[in-house]
Amino acid sequence: MEIAKAVWDFFQNEILGMNWLSRLIGYLLNACGLDTSGKIGSSVQFFIYDTIKIIVLLCVLILIISYIQSYFPPERTKRILGRFHGIWANIIAALLGTVTPFCSCSSIPLFIGFTSAGLPLGVTFSFLISSPMVDLGSLVLLMSIFGWKVAVIYVVLGLVIAVAGGTLIEKLHLENQVEEFIRKGKSLELPREELRFKDRLKYSWEQVVTTAKKVIPYILIGVLIGAIIHNWIPQEFIVKLLGDNNPFGVILATVAGVPMYADIFGTIPIAEALLAKGAFLGVVLSFMMGVTTLSLPSMIMLRKAVKPKLLGIFIAICTVGIIVVGYFFNAIQNFII
């Protein structure tokens, strides 16, 4: 048992967490005369280390997930979802959302396509909630920072929000709240030729390049903010604002994440720095969920597809779900970290 734990700790700390890279960068910076125990040196170390680590994980994860995704083009996904009914359809939609693009803005065109094709509204919303919130990338990244217990519970609760949210929207019969051009649209059935292994690899690499170009600026911004929080903002301030002394920390973090636009790769360094400074785990995860699921740009895009009433219900469901998850993690933090 101890051997298995040692192997897992090595995998989490040295492979996923890349602690060896942090030590190497610290050694090189010290050799160059920059004191990494000071604020400036520590900030530089944090920025270089987190940037390299997240970009490497980003590229590896997108390559793997895009290869899996090549087996689930929109036409096949639609056919799979069409075979299920009731809550099982919502569960399958939420699970399929884990192998789709990383941010909510990328998921909305797929949501529109599925809705136009006549899939039940609740099913498409389960997909829309799950896709940015609990993709496979989030599982691996959360494991690298918070450990496997936090990562697994986060993903399970995210899927619960997606299934419950989609089911509730289905029960409310809000089909008339979808814009008419989508309700009357038709999904084209294009012939799909079977991809070879080489074609799937090519597609996966193209996804790596395309996604990296889009998200690297947000990663750099996120790492920069994380470095500032980590080394320049007093710990007492973070604890007072987002620690156990503020019962509204989860709500504050959720609302603070809405104006931002980033995916989980951009929020990880901020979350990592906040947690190190004493912010509660539930507060940090609520912030991440708020950014990835309810970002203002994605809500503006979604408004083009649905009417204000449905948009408001969607935001309310996600907000309540995120806040509940946040307080749940605050309550169990001492048992899982």
Foldseek 3Di string as FASTA:
>chain_A
DVVVVVVVVCCLCCVLQVVVLLVVLCVVCVVVVHHCVALVNVLVSLLVSLLVNLLVLLLVVLLVLLLVCVVPDLVNVLVVLVVDDDLVSLLSLLVVLQSDDAFLLRLVVSLLLSVLAPRQNLSSQLSSQNNNQAHPSQLSNCCNQPNNVVSVVSNVLSNVLSSVLSNVVNVVPCNVQWDPCSNNHHHDDDDDDDDDPVRSSVSSNVSSVVVCVVASVLLSVLSSLLSCLQRPDALVVLCCQANPVDPCLQVVLLVVQAQAEHGLSNLSSNLSSSVVSHGANLSSSSNNSSNRNRHPVSLVVVCVTGPPVVSVSSVVSSSVSSSVSSVVSNVCVVVRD
